[in-house]
Amino acid sequence: MIFNRLPRFFCAFVLSLSLLLSACGATTTAPPQNAGTGGTATDVATAEPIAGGKFNRYFPKGGGEYQITFRQEKQGFAQAKLSQGGTELAMLSINDVANNPSALNKFRDSGQTIAGYPATTVGNNTTALLVGDRFQVKVQSTSMAPGDREAWLQQFDLNGLSKLR
């Protein structure tokens, strides 16, 4: 009778021991500092992200046939929907890369600029630019051509945003 319970007890003991040992282990590796971004990523990483509501004033203004509807604001991020006649055309966003300094890398490798700021195209539907080595401004749309997305990026108050800290 005792021998019938022994395998069950042994399995339970081994599982408990392995859970205990894996939970008590700690990682000792640290993420690499300043992974090829020229020092800017470290500086941005130590900055406190700006409240998302402060970004709203830098978005393009609605008017005429276009409407801007703010959708989301959180620490370091704001997003708005661009519509025309009730049809969604694009999502517009500003992201403080203090939350994600590795986002700077895609701009460092791009030779493209928009309004004097480093820019990049992500996939077929997104165009982004980097303002003040800190703020990623994006237009995402499945219906707009790249030139239209660039035109909407230029309607942001990029100079004002570059002064925000």
C-alpha atoms as a PDB file:
ATOM      1  CA  MET A   1       0.000   0.000   0.000  1.00  0.00           C
ATOM      2  CA  ILE A   2       2.796   2.415   0.880  1.00  0.00           C
ATOM      3  CA  PHE A   3       4.605   1.426  -2.311  1.00  0.00           C
ATOM      4  CA  ASN A   4       1.556   2.427  -4.392  1.00  0.00           C
ATOM      5  CA  ARG A   5       1.728   5.994  -3.023  1.00  0.00           C
ATOM      6  CA  LEU A   6       5.489   6.372  -3.344  1.00  0.00           C
ATOM      7  CA  PRO A   7       5.564   7.363  -7.067  1.00  0.00           C
ATOM      8  CA  ARG A   8       2.853   9.966  -6.483  1.00  0.00           C
ATOM      9  CA  PHE A   9       4.671  11.407  -3.483  1.00  0.00           C
ATOM     10  CA  PHE A  10       7.993  11.432  -5.343  1.00  0.00           C
ATOM     11  CA  CYS A  11       6.480  13.309  -8.352  1.00  0.00           C
ATOM     12  CA  ALA A  12       4.839  15.876  -6.087  1.00  0.00           C
ATOM     13  CA  PHE A  13       8.118  16.367  -4.197  1.00  0.00           C
ATOM     14  CA  VAL A  14      10.156  16.853  -7.399  1.00  0.00           C
ATOM     15  CA  LEU A  15       7.631  19.319  -8.844  1.00  0.00           C
ATOM     16  CA  SER A  16       7.520  21.323  -5.605  1.00  0.00           C
ATOM     17  CA  LEU A  17      11.286  21.426  -5.396  1.00  0.00           C
ATOM     18  CA  SER A  18      11.679  22.557  -9.019  1.00  0.00           C
ATOM     19  CA  LEU A  19       9.094  25.323  -8.537  1.00  0.00           C
ATOM     20  CA  LEU A  20      10.851  26.492  -5.404  1.00  0.00           C
ATOM     21  CA  LEU A  21      14.261  26.570  -7.065  1.00  0.00           C
ATOM     22  CA  SER A  22      13.049  28.381 -10.189  1.00  0.00           C
ATOM     23  CA  ALA A  23      11.168  30.996  -8.147  1.00  0.00           C
ATOM     24  CA  CYS A  24      14.176  31.718  -5.950  1.00  0.00           C
ATOM     25  CA  GLY A  25      16.598  32.178  -8.832  1.00  0.00           C
ATOM     26  CA  ALA A  26      17.437  35.741  -9.879  1.00  0.00           C
ATOM     27  CA  THR A  27      18.759  37.058 -13.136  1.00  0.00           C
ATOM     28  CA  THR A  28      22.046  38.865 -12.921  1.00  0.00           C
ATOM     29  CA  THR A  29      22.293  40.239 -16.436  1.00  0.00           C
ATOM     30  CA  ALA A  30      21.519  43.863 -17.090  1.00  0.00           C
ATOM     31  CA  PRO A  31      20.334  45.298 -20.388  1.00  0.00           C
ATOM     32  CA  PRO A  32      23.082  46.912 -22.449  1.00  0.00           C
ATOM     33  CA  GLN A  33      23.495  50.626 -21.904  1.00  0.00           C
ATOM     34  CA  ASN A  34      23.602  52.934 -24.904  1.00  0.00           C
ATOM     35  CA  ALA A  35      23.386  50.266 -27.599  1.00  0.00           C
ATOM     36  CA  GLY A  36      24.748  52.265 -30.530  1.00  0.00           C
ATOM     37  CA  THR A  37      22.509  55.330 -30.373  1.00  0.00           C
ATOM     38  CA  GLY A  38      25.174  57.961 -29.881  1.00  0.00           C
ATOM     39  CA  GLY A  39      24.343  58.724 -26.235  1.00  0.00           C
ATOM     40  CA  THR A  40      20.861  60.065 -26.888  1.00  0.00           C
ATOM     41  CA  ALA A  41      19.036  56.891 -25.850  1.00  0.00           C
ATOM     42  CA  THR A  42      20.602  56.980 -22.402  1.00  0.00           C
ATOM     43  CA  ASP A  43      19.617  60.611 -21.958  1.00  0.00           C
ATOM     44  CA  VAL A  44      16.069  59.926 -23.132  1.00  0.00           C
ATOM     45  CA  ALA A  45      15.796  56.833 -20.933  1.00  0.00           C
ATOM     46  CA  THR A  46      16.494  58.908 -17.835  1.00  0.00           C
ATOM     47  CA  ALA A  47      13.863  61.511 -18.746  1.00  0.00           C
ATOM     48  CA  GLU A  48      10.381  61.334 -17.265  1.00  0.00           C
ATOM     49  CA  PRO A  49       7.720  60.795 -19.969  1.00  0.00           C
ATOM     50  CA  ILE A  50       5.451  63.765 -20.553  1.00  0.00           C
ATOM     51  CA  ALA A  51       1.726  63.491 -19.807  1.00  0.00           C
ATOM     52  CA  GLY A  52      -0.199  62.596 -22.978  1.00  0.00           C
ATOM     53  CA  GLY A  53      -2.666  65.478 -22.589  1.00  0.00           C
ATOM     54  CA  LYS A  54       0.151  67.975 -23.157  1.00  0.00           C
ATOM     55  CA  PHE A  55       0.584  66.657 -26.708  1.00  0.00           C
ATOM     56  CA  ASN A  56      -2.936  67.571 -27.888  1.00  0.00           C
ATOM     57  CA  ARG A  57      -2.051  71.154 -28.774  1.00  0.00           C
ATOM     58  CA  TYR A  58       0.564  69.940 -31.279  1.00  0.00           C
ATOM     59  CA  PHE A  59      -1.831  67.820 -33.359  1.00  0.00           C
ATOM     60  CA  PRO A  60      -3.240  69.156 -36.647  1.00  0.00           C
ATOM     61  CA  LYS A  61      -6.379  71.221 -36.254  1.00  0.00           C
ATOM     62  CA  GLY A  62      -9.622  69.833 -37.606  1.00  0.00           C
ATOM     63  CA  GLY A  63     -11.829  71.973 -39.732  1.00  0.00           C
ATOM     64  CA  GLY A  64     -13.740  71.975 -42.952  1.00  0.00           C
ATOM     65  CA  GLU A  65     -14.317  68.421 -44.025  1.00  0.00           C
ATOM     66  CA  TYR A  66     -11.777  66.924 -41.582  1.00  0.00           C
ATOM     67  CA  GLN A  67     -12.414  66.073 -37.945  1.00  0.00           C
ATOM     68  CA  ILE A  68      -9.828  65.267 -35.290  1.00  0.00           C
ATOM     69  CA  THR A  69     -11.112  63.149 -32.388  1.00  0.00           C
ATOM     70  CA  PHE A  70      -8.754  62.454 -29.506  1.00  0.00           C
ATOM     71  CA  ARG A  71      -8.911  58.758 -28.652  1.00  0.00           C
ATOM     72  CA  GLN A  72      -6.294  58.038 -26.030  1.00  0.00           C
ATOM     73  CA  GLU A  73      -4.026  59.922 -23.661  1.00  0.00           C
ATOM     74  CA  LYS A  74      -1.657  58.296 -21.231  1.00  0.00           C
ATOM     75  CA  GLN A  75       1.760  59.006 -19.833  1.00  0.00           C
ATOM     76  CA  GLY A  76       4.058  59.624 -22.806  1.00  0.00           C
ATOM     77  CA  PHE A  77       1.417  59.031 -25.511  1.00  0.00           C
ATOM     78  CA  ALA A  78      -1.539  60.684 -27.225  1.00  0.00           C
ATOM     79  CA  GLN A  79      -3.605  59.426 -30.159  1.00  0.00           C
ATOM     80  CA  ALA A  80      -6.287  60.989 -32.339  1.00  0.00           C
ATOM     81  CA  LYS A  81      -8.504  59.754 -35.144  1.00  0.00           C
ATOM     82  CA  LEU A  82      -8.608  61.712 -38.408  1.00  0.00           C
ATOM     83  CA  SER A  83     -12.000  61.460 -40.138  1.00  0.00           C
ATOM     84  CA  GLN A  84     -13.602  62.898 -43.238  1.00  0.00           C
ATOM     85  CA  GLY A  85     -17.378  62.849 -43.507  1.00  0.00           C
ATOM     86  CA  GLY A  86     -17.667  60.225 -40.772  1.00  0.00           C
ATOM     87  CA  THR A  87     -15.126  57.895 -42.428  1.00  0.00           C
ATOM     88  CA  GLU A  88     -11.920  57.189 -40.538  1.00  0.00           C
ATOM     89  CA  LEU A  89      -8.891  58.094 -42.632  1.00  0.00           C
ATOM     90  CA  ALA A  90      -5.977  57.695 -40.240  1.00  0.00           C
ATOM     91  CA  MET A  91      -4.718  57.414 -36.700  1.00  0.00           C
ATOM     92  CA  LEU A  92      -2.385  60.216 -35.620  1.00  0.00           C
ATOM     93  CA  SER A  93      -0.121  59.825 -32.608  1.00  0.00           C
ATOM     94  CA  ILE A  94       2.694  61.389 -30.620  1.00  0.00           C
ATOM     95  CA  ASN A  95       4.833  59.105 -28.495  1.00  0.00           C
ATOM     96  CA  ASP A  96       7.491  60.217 -26.015  1.00  0.00           C
ATOM     97  CA  VAL A  97      10.342  57.771 -26.591  1.00  0.00           C
ATOM     98  CA  ALA A  98      11.431  58.187 -22.977  1.00  0.00           C
ATOM     99  CA  ASN A  99       9.234  55.077 -22.631  1.00  0.00           C
ATOM    100  CA  ASN A 100      11.143  53.269 -25.397  1.00  0.00           C
ATOM    101  CA  PRO A 101      14.561  54.716 -26.251  1.00  0.00           C
ATOM    102  CA  SER A 102      15.289  51.851 -28.671  1.00  0.00           C
ATOM    103  CA  ALA A 103      12.684  53.461 -30.969  1.00  0.00           C
ATOM    104  CA  LEU A 104      15.387  55.982 -31.893  1.00  0.00           C
ATOM    105  CA  ASN A 105      17.305  53.327 -33.846  1.00  0.00           C
ATOM    106  CA  LYS A 106      14.877  53.164 -36.769  1.00  0.00           C
ATOM    107  CA  PHE A 107      15.359  56.895 -37.347  1.00  0.00           C
ATOM    108  CA  ARG A 108      19.153  56.734 -37.119  1.00  0.00           C
ATOM    109  CA  ASP A 109      19.248  54.169 -39.933  1.00  0.00           C
ATOM    110  CA  SER A 110      16.862  56.083 -42.206  1.00  0.00           C
ATOM    111  CA  GLY A 111      18.084  58.616 -44.735  1.00  0.00           C
ATOM    112  CA  GLN A 112      14.595  60.097 -45.136  1.00  0.00           C
ATOM    113  CA  THR A 113      13.532  63.473 -43.700  1.00  0.00           C
ATOM    114  CA  ILE A 114      10.195  65.281 -43.513  1.00  0.00           C
ATOM    115  CA  ALA A 115      10.137  68.996 -42.673  1.00  0.00           C
ATOM    116  CA  GLY A 116      13.789  68.662 -41.641  1.00  0.00           C
ATOM    117  CA  TYR A 117      13.164  65.863 -39.136  1.00  0.00           C
ATOM    118  CA  PRO A 118      14.394  62.245 -39.475  1.00  0.00           C
ATOM    119  CA  ALA A 119      11.598  60.070 -40.841  1.00  0.00           C
ATOM    120  CA  THR A 120      10.873  56.462 -41.667  1.00  0.00           C
ATOM    121  CA  THR A 121       8.196  54.375 -43.289  1.00  0.00           C
ATOM    122  CA  VAL A 122       7.042  51.353 -41.306  1.00  0.00           C
ATOM    123  CA  GLY A 123       5.400  48.711 -43.464  1.00  0.00           C
ATOM    124  CA  ASN A 124       2.937  49.939 -46.081  1.00  0.00           C
ATOM    125  CA  ASN A 125       0.645  51.927 -43.800  1.00  0.00           C
ATOM    126  CA  THR A 126       2.731  54.025 -41.386  1.00  0.00           C
ATOM    127  CA  THR A 127       4.957  57.049 -41.741  1.00  0.00           C
ATOM    128  CA  ALA A 128       6.767  58.394 -38.680  1.00  0.00           C
ATOM    129  CA  LEU A 129       9.214  61.132 -37.849  1.00  0.00           C
ATOM    130  CA  LEU A 130      11.368  61.972 -34.847  1.00  0.00           C
ATOM    131  CA  VAL A 131      11.114  65.448 -33.356  1.00  0.00           C
ATOM    132  CA  GLY A 132      13.763  66.765 -31.001  1.00  0.00           C
ATOM    133  CA  ASP A 133      15.395  63.330 -30.606  1.00  0.00           C
ATOM    134  CA  ARG A 134      12.517  62.490 -28.292  1.00  0.00           C
ATOM    135  CA  PHE A 135       9.034  62.536 -29.833  1.00  0.00           C
ATOM    136  CA  GLN A 136       7.863  60.038 -32.432  1.00  0.00           C
ATOM    137  CA  VAL A 137       5.020  61.474 -34.525  1.00  0.00           C
ATOM    138  CA  LYS A 138       3.067  58.951 -36.633  1.00  0.00           C
ATOM    139  CA  VAL A 139       0.333  58.781 -39.217  1.00  0.00           C
ATOM    140  CA  GLN A 140      -1.123  55.296 -39.752  1.00  0.00           C
ATOM    141  CA  SER A 141      -3.574  54.714 -42.582  1.00  0.00           C
ATOM    142  CA  THR A 142      -4.560  51.904 -44.906  1.00  0.00           C
ATOM    143  CA  SER A 143      -6.218  54.306 -47.355  1.00  0.00           C
ATOM    144  CA  MET A 144      -3.632  57.108 -47.651  1.00  0.00           C
ATOM    145  CA  ALA A 145      -0.673  57.187 -49.995  1.00  0.00           C
ATOM    146  CA  PRO A 146       2.740  57.856 -48.419  1.00  0.00           C
ATOM    147  CA  GLY A 147       2.693  61.438 -49.742  1.00  0.00           C
ATOM    148  CA  ASP A 148      -0.645  62.089 -48.032  1.00  0.00           C
ATOM    149  CA  ARG A 149       0.684  60.727 -44.739  1.00  0.00           C
ATOM    150  CA  GLU A 150       3.726  63.002 -45.065  1.00  0.00           C
ATOM    151  CA  ALA A 151       1.451  65.993 -45.709  1.00  0.00           C
ATOM    152  CA  TRP A 152      -0.485  65.254 -42.516  1.00  0.00           C
ATOM    153  CA  LEU A 153       2.751  64.895 -40.540  1.00  0.00           C
ATOM    154  CA  GLN A 154       3.707  68.397 -41.668  1.00  0.00           C
ATOM    155  CA  GLN A 155       0.432  69.734 -40.258  1.00  0.00           C
ATOM    156  CA  PHE A 156       1.526  68.898 -36.698  1.00  0.00           C
ATOM    157  CA  ASP A 157       3.144  71.795 -34.810  1.00  0.00           C
ATOM    158  CA  LEU A 158       6.552  70.170 -35.110  1.00  0.00           C
ATOM    159  CA  ASN A 159       8.555  73.248 -34.091  1.00  0.00           C
ATOM    160  CA  GLY A 160       6.444  73.705 -30.959  1.00  0.00           C
ATOM    161  CA  LEU A 161       6.758  70.023 -30.120  1.00  0.00           C
ATOM    162  CA  SER A 162      10.540  70.173 -30.505  1.00  0.00           C
ATOM    163  CA  LYS A 163      10.665  72.734 -27.658  1.00  0.00           C
ATOM    164  CA  LEU A 164       8.587  70.629 -25.267  1.00  0.00           C
ATOM    165  CA  ARG A 165      10.515  69.130 -22.345  1.00  0.00           C
END
